[in-house]
Protein backbone atom coordinates (compact mmCIF):
# COMPACT_ATOMS: atom_id res chain seq x y z
CA MET A 1 -38.25 3.84 34.23
CA HIS A 2 -41.49 5.83 33.94
CA THR A 3 -40.88 9.45 33.07
CA GLY A 4 -44.41 10.54 32.68
CA LEU A 5 -43.67 11.41 28.96
CA ARG A 6 -45.91 9.83 26.38
CA SER A 7 -44.36 8.13 23.42
CA ASP A 8 -46.49 7.18 20.37
CA SER A 9 -43.69 5.03 19.00
CA GLY A 10 -44.93 1.81 20.64
CA LEU A 11 -41.61 1.25 22.11
CA VAL A 12 -41.34 0.04 25.72
CA PHE A 13 -37.87 1.51 26.58
CA THR A 14 -36.67 4.70 25.00
CA PRO A 15 -34.06 7.44 25.75
CA THR A 16 -35.60 10.79 26.83
CA ASP A 17 -36.04 11.97 23.29
CA GLY A 18 -38.27 8.99 22.48
CA SER A 19 -35.91 7.48 19.90
CA PRO A 20 -35.25 3.67 19.78
CA VAL A 21 -32.52 2.36 22.09
CA ARG A 22 -29.46 1.40 20.10
CA PRO A 23 -28.17 -2.13 21.04
CA HIS A 24 -24.55 -0.80 21.05
CA SER A 25 -25.57 1.69 23.80
CA VAL A 26 -26.81 -1.10 25.98
CA SER A 27 -23.70 -3.15 25.49
CA GLN A 28 -21.46 -0.23 26.28
CA GLY A 29 -23.31 0.61 29.46
CA PHE A 30 -23.13 -3.00 30.58
CA ASP A 31 -19.36 -3.13 29.87
CA ARG A 32 -18.70 -0.09 31.81
CA ARG A 33 -20.61 -1.33 34.91
CA ILE A 34 -18.92 -4.73 34.75
CA LYS A 35 -15.49 -3.08 34.63
CA ARG A 36 -16.44 -0.69 37.47
CA LEU A 37 -17.49 -3.61 39.58
CA GLY A 38 -14.25 -5.57 38.85
CA LEU A 39 -16.26 -8.55 37.43
CA PRO A 40 -14.99 -10.74 34.71
CA ARG A 41 -15.75 -9.51 31.27
CA ILE A 42 -18.74 -11.17 29.62
CA ARG A 43 -20.85 -10.12 26.69
CA PHE A 44 -24.32 -8.76 27.44
CA HIS A 45 -25.57 -11.38 25.00
CA ASN A 46 -24.35 -14.21 27.15
CA LEU A 47 -26.68 -13.35 29.96
CA ARG A 48 -29.54 -15.16 27.94
CA HIS A 49 -27.59 -18.40 28.45
CA THR A 50 -27.45 -17.83 32.30
CA SER A 51 -31.14 -16.96 32.71
CA ALA A 52 -32.29 -19.83 30.40
CA ALA A 53 -30.21 -22.34 32.41
CA THR A 54 -31.51 -21.42 35.87
């Protein structure tokens, strides 16, 4: 999402403070959303298999 903030880090996605996104944070957010939607638990990493197979 474009915030209008400039980051000189060269990173594409960052939190609002411009620091790197921690992989654990991405996994936790994914897990919360899967649970909230009542979907079967899968690891975020497993999505690469699905997208490569379609």
